[in-house]
Protein backbone atom coordinates (compact mmCIF):
# COMPACT_ATOMS: atom_id res chain seq x y z
CA LYS A 1 56.69 -6.58 85.04
CA ASN A 2 57.76 -5.61 81.51
CA LYS A 3 61.08 -4.27 82.84
CA MET A 4 61.64 -7.49 84.77
CA ALA A 5 60.90 -9.50 81.62
CA VAL A 6 63.41 -7.47 79.61
CA ALA A 7 66.06 -7.87 82.32
CA GLY A 8 65.37 -11.60 82.53
CA GLY A 9 65.61 -11.87 78.76
CA LYS A 10 69.03 -10.20 78.82
CA VAL A 11 70.23 -12.65 81.45
CA ALA A 12 68.96 -15.60 79.43
CA LEU A 13 70.60 -14.25 76.27
CA ALA A 14 73.92 -13.82 78.05
CA LEU A 15 73.75 -17.35 79.43
CA ALA A 16 73.02 -18.75 75.98
CA LEU A 17 75.89 -16.74 74.51
CA ALA A 18 78.20 -17.96 77.25
CA GLY A 19 77.28 -21.54 76.41
CA LYS A 20 77.94 -20.96 72.72
CA VAL A 21 81.33 -19.34 73.30
CA MET A 22 82.59 -21.70 76.01
CA GLY A 23 80.94 -24.95 75.00
CA THR A 24 78.82 -25.19 78.15
CA HIS A 25 75.83 -23.37 79.59
CA THR A 26 76.49 -21.46 82.76
CA PRO A 27 73.82 -21.72 85.44
CA CYS A 28 74.35 -19.27 88.27
CA THR A 29 75.57 -21.06 91.40
CA VAL A 30 76.36 -17.84 93.29
CA ALA A 31 73.73 -16.50 95.70
CA VAL A 32 71.31 -14.13 93.94
CA GLU A 33 69.23 -11.31 95.42
CA ASP A 34 66.97 -8.64 93.95
CA GLY A 35 69.20 -5.58 94.23
CA ARG A 36 66.22 -3.22 94.18
CA SER A 37 64.61 -4.63 97.31
CA LEU A 38 67.46 -6.00 99.45
CA PRO A 39 68.15 -3.54 102.30
CA ILE A 40 71.79 -2.48 102.56
CA PRO A 41 72.07 -3.59 106.23
CA GLU A 42 70.80 -7.01 105.18
CA PHE A 43 73.43 -7.21 102.43
CA ARG A 44 76.15 -6.42 104.95
CA ARG A 45 74.83 -8.91 107.50
CA LEU A 46 74.14 -11.78 105.11
CA TYR A 47 77.02 -11.41 102.69
CA ARG A 48 79.80 -8.95 103.43
CA GLU A 49 80.23 -9.78 107.11
CA ARG A 50 80.15 -13.49 106.27
CA ASN A 51 82.48 -13.10 103.27
CA ILE A 52 79.97 -14.64 100.84
CA ALA A 53 79.60 -13.75 97.16
CA VAL A 54 76.25 -12.53 95.85
CA VAL A 55 74.80 -11.22 92.60
CA LEU A 56 72.43 -8.28 93.08
CA ARG A 57 70.15 -8.43 90.06
CA ASN A 58 68.84 -5.12 88.68
CA ALA A 59 70.73 -3.18 91.36
CA THR A 60 71.93 -0.56 88.86
CA ILE A 61 69.43 -0.99 86.04
CA HIS A 62 68.23 2.61 86.47
CA SER A 63 71.00 4.39 88.40
CA SER A 64 73.73 3.55 85.85
CA ALA A 65 71.67 4.21 82.70
CA ALA A 66 73.33 7.54 81.92
CA PHE A 67 76.81 6.14 82.61
CA ARG A 68 76.11 3.20 80.30
CA ALA A 69 75.27 5.65 77.53
CA ALA A 70 78.49 7.59 78.20
CA THR A 71 80.62 4.44 78.03
CA SER A 72 79.62 2.92 74.72
CA LEU A 73 82.67 2.28 72.51
CA THR A 74 81.56 5.06 70.18
CA ALA A 75 81.16 7.53 73.04
CA ILE A 76 84.47 6.84 74.79
CA ALA A 77 86.43 6.73 71.53
CA SER A 78 84.96 10.10 70.58
CA GLU A 79 85.39 11.76 73.98
CA PHE A 80 88.60 10.13 75.24
CA GLY A 81 90.17 8.65 72.11
CA ASP A 82 93.33 10.78 72.38
CA ALA A 83 93.87 9.90 76.04
CA VAL A 84 96.96 7.77 76.59
CA VAL A 85 95.87 4.96 78.90
CA THR A 86 97.70 2.20 80.75
CA LEU A 87 97.11 -1.35 79.56
CA SER A 88 97.84 -4.16 82.01
CA SER A 89 98.92 -7.70 81.24
CA ALA A 90 96.08 -10.18 81.60
CA ASN A 91 97.93 -12.76 83.69
CA ALA A 92 97.27 -13.44 87.36
CA ASN A 93 100.03 -11.08 88.53
CA SER A 94 99.25 -8.24 86.07
CA TYR A 95 102.88 -7.12 86.24
CA GLY A 96 103.17 -5.94 82.62
CA ARG A 97 102.27 -2.41 81.56
CA ARG A 98 101.90 -0.67 78.22
CA ARG A 99 100.83 2.87 77.32
CA GLU A 100 98.61 3.45 74.30
CA ARG A 101 96.02 5.86 72.91
CA LEU A 102 92.56 4.72 73.88
CA ALA A 103 91.35 5.05 70.27
CA THR A 104 94.21 2.84 69.06
CA TYR A 105 93.39 0.24 71.67
CA VAL A 106 89.69 0.20 70.76
CA ASP A 107 90.57 -0.13 67.05
CA THR A 108 93.05 -2.98 67.48
CA MET A 109 91.68 -5.07 70.36
CA ARG A 110 89.37 -7.00 68.02
CA THR A 111 92.29 -8.37 65.98
CA THR A 112 93.97 -10.31 68.82
CA ASP A 113 93.37 -14.04 69.24
CA TRP A 114 92.61 -13.66 72.92
CA ALA A 115 91.63 -17.27 73.46
CA GLU A 116 94.97 -18.69 72.24
CA THR A 117 97.51 -16.05 73.32
CA PRO A 118 99.23 -16.60 76.71
CA SER A 119 97.76 -14.19 79.23
CA ASN A 120 101.14 -12.60 80.04
CA LYS A 121 101.31 -11.55 76.36
CA ILE A 122 97.84 -10.00 76.35
CA PHE A 123 97.34 -6.37 77.35
CA TYR A 124 94.00 -4.74 77.89
CA LEU A 125 92.43 -1.79 79.67
CA PHE A 126 91.57 -2.50 83.29
CA GLY A 127 92.75 -1.70 86.74
CA GLU A 128 95.24 1.14 86.51
CA HIS A 129 94.37 4.74 85.71
CA GLY A 130 95.94 8.14 86.00
CA ASP A 131 94.01 11.36 85.52
CA GLU A 132 93.24 10.70 81.86
CA LEU A 133 89.88 9.05 82.61
CA ALA A 134 89.04 11.08 85.73
CA PRO A 135 86.28 13.09 83.99
CA LEU A 136 84.63 9.84 82.95
CA LEU A 137 84.93 8.12 86.32
CA ALA A 138 83.52 11.21 88.02
CA GLN A 139 80.23 10.49 86.24
CA TYR A 140 79.84 7.03 87.76
CA PRO A 141 77.14 6.76 90.43
CA ILE A 142 78.78 4.55 93.04
CA PRO A 143 76.13 2.02 94.11
CA PRO A 144 74.87 2.50 97.68
CA PHE A 145 75.86 -1.12 98.42
CA ALA A 146 79.49 -0.13 97.79
CA ARG A 147 79.56 2.78 100.21
CA PRO A 148 80.94 1.73 103.61
CA PRO A 149 79.00 2.61 106.74
CA ALA A 150 80.15 5.56 108.83
CA GLY A 151 83.21 4.69 110.87
CA PHE A 152 84.18 1.70 108.73
CA LEU A 153 87.94 1.09 108.53
CA SER A 154 89.61 -0.57 105.56
CA ASP A 155 92.35 -3.19 105.94
CA ASP A 156 95.05 -0.51 106.04
CA GLU A 157 93.16 1.24 108.89
CA CYS A 158 92.25 4.24 106.75
CA ASP A 159 88.71 5.52 106.51
CA ALA A 160 87.26 4.00 103.34
CA ARG A 161 84.61 6.60 102.56
CA GLU A 162 85.38 6.76 98.83
CA PRO A 163 85.89 3.36 97.21
CA ALA A 164 88.50 2.99 94.44
CA LEU A 165 87.19 2.63 90.89
CA SER A 166 88.64 0.50 88.10
CA PHE A 167 87.29 0.99 84.56
CA GLY A 168 87.85 -1.48 81.76
CA VAL A 169 87.23 -2.21 78.09
CA ALA A 170 87.86 -5.72 76.77
CA PRO A 171 87.08 -7.87 73.72
CA ASP A 172 85.22 -11.15 73.54
CA ALA A 173 86.93 -14.17 75.20
CA SER A 174 89.45 -12.02 77.08
CA GLY A 175 89.68 -12.03 80.85
CA VAL A 176 91.94 -12.28 83.87
CA PRO A 177 92.90 -15.73 85.23
CA PHE A 178 92.49 -16.65 88.87
CA HIS A 179 93.79 -14.08 91.36
CA ILE A 180 92.89 -12.69 94.79
CA HIS A 181 92.59 -9.27 96.42
CA ASN A 182 90.29 -7.41 98.79
CA ASP A 183 86.56 -7.31 98.31
CA GLY A 184 84.49 -5.14 96.01
CA PHE A 185 81.81 -5.01 93.34
CA SER A 186 81.79 -5.69 89.61
CA GLU A 187 79.33 -4.05 87.22
CA VAL A 188 79.03 -4.72 83.49
CA LEU A 189 78.05 -1.69 81.43
CA HIS A 190 78.06 -3.38 78.00
CA GLY A 191 78.49 -7.05 77.13
CA ALA A 192 78.61 -9.74 79.83
CA LYS A 193 81.09 -11.36 82.22
CA ARG A 194 81.30 -14.96 83.29
CA TRP A 195 82.65 -15.08 86.85
CA LEU A 196 84.34 -18.13 88.40
CA LEU A 197 84.95 -17.98 92.16
CA TYR A 198 86.51 -20.22 94.80
CA PRO A 199 85.58 -19.39 98.42
CA ALA A 200 88.58 -18.68 100.64
CA PRO A 201 90.79 -20.50 101.48
CA ALA A 202 90.19 -22.85 98.51
CA GLU A 203 92.48 -22.55 95.49
CA PRO A 204 91.62 -23.32 91.85
CA PRO A 205 92.88 -26.72 90.68
CA HIS A 206 95.42 -27.05 87.85
CA PHE A 207 95.97 -23.30 87.76
CA ASP A 208 98.61 -21.71 85.51
CA PRO A 209 98.89 -17.94 86.15
CA ASN A 210 99.91 -17.36 82.52
CA ALA A 211 97.09 -19.42 80.99
CA THR A 212 93.96 -17.59 79.93
CA SER A 213 90.63 -18.06 81.66
CA THR A 214 89.25 -19.35 78.37
CA SER A 215 91.89 -22.07 78.15
CA TRP A 216 91.21 -23.07 81.79
CA LEU A 217 87.52 -23.39 80.99
CA ARG A 218 88.24 -25.42 77.88
CA GLU A 219 90.99 -27.70 79.22
CA VAL A 220 90.51 -27.97 83.00
CA TYR A 221 86.88 -27.21 83.84
CA PRO A 222 85.33 -30.21 81.98
CA ARG A 223 87.58 -32.62 83.92
CA LEU A 224 86.69 -31.30 87.37
CA ARG A 225 84.53 -33.30 89.73
CA PRO A 226 81.40 -31.45 90.90
CA ARG A 227 82.93 -30.65 94.30
CA GLU A 228 86.02 -29.18 92.58
CA ARG A 229 84.10 -26.73 90.43
CA PRO A 230 83.94 -23.04 91.26
CA GLN A 231 80.90 -21.02 92.07
CA GLU A 232 79.98 -19.21 88.87
CA CYS A 233 77.59 -16.72 87.38
CA THR A 234 77.25 -14.60 84.24
CA ILE A 235 76.41 -10.97 84.92
CA VAL A 236 74.90 -8.48 82.49
CA PRO A 237 74.13 -4.73 82.57
CA GLY A 238 72.08 -3.86 85.64
CA ASP A 239 73.68 -6.56 87.80
CA LEU A 240 76.14 -5.95 90.62
CA LEU A 241 78.37 -8.80 91.79
CA TYR A 242 79.94 -8.69 95.24
CA PHE A 243 83.27 -10.56 95.29
CA PRO A 244 84.51 -11.30 98.83
CA ARG A 245 88.04 -10.67 100.07
CA ARG A 246 90.68 -13.29 99.34
CA TRP A 247 88.40 -15.39 97.13
CA TYR A 248 90.21 -16.67 94.04
CA HIS A 249 88.28 -15.54 91.01
CA ALA A 250 88.65 -15.49 87.23
CA ILE A 251 86.63 -13.72 84.56
CA VAL A 252 85.81 -14.31 80.90
CA ASN A 253 84.35 -11.41 78.92
CA ILE A 254 81.46 -12.37 76.65
CA GLY A 255 81.23 -10.05 73.68
CA THR A 256 82.96 -6.69 73.65
CA THR A 257 82.66 -5.73 77.30
CA VAL A 258 82.82 -2.40 79.10
CA PHE A 259 82.86 -2.69 82.88
CA ILE A 260 83.70 -0.98 86.14
CA SER A 261 84.75 -2.38 89.51
CA THR A 262 84.47 -0.72 92.90
CA PHE A 263 87.10 -1.80 95.42
CA LEU A 264 86.26 -1.37 99.09
């Protein structure tokens, strides 16, 4: 019960922080399950096979504890600071690339006005990796929910026994605007993420691929009618969010955020 209270307190704190940063509180309108008790076959039947988003609360609260410790800013700057990493542009297409020492990126990311800079001018660490972070990613315990059943074929008809990992580090108020891809899972290791999702085939209204998620929340979201609003939820460490294939989604990072995604 104490552990549940602590986890619930973290969720409440993240929601309050999201309201302070974005000017509105963020109740979770995505389906929510207890990730510790939901059987994997039930997850597949209720959510993945139906292409429905779900937040699995406390799914990784214990299994990712060691990886969370290894991915604090202090730890990764000390262990991988000299690694030259690829930064991707934060617009919907993510076509821009920049190479930079991880330590330099960590030192300078706090000085950017992420909320006001066009997303195609913003570069941060997510999505694309070479071998420079392989020793770190090898430590990540892929959640059982993310492991496909035996015989499962991915969209390109290849066996998808080992999901693809995407590790990221981002400052407060950064994030990727609406975009789509195949399904997967998002886990926050430090900080919090506010997710905005439109079920396929719906598209986000008044969407500019080079506008930041923060600006969309500030300028577009308040003018939307209830039926036009996205599903949304703020996730914190211990949570696992399943994002379905071809759903438009955008993210805003709340506080300095370290995260990892598992693509199926």
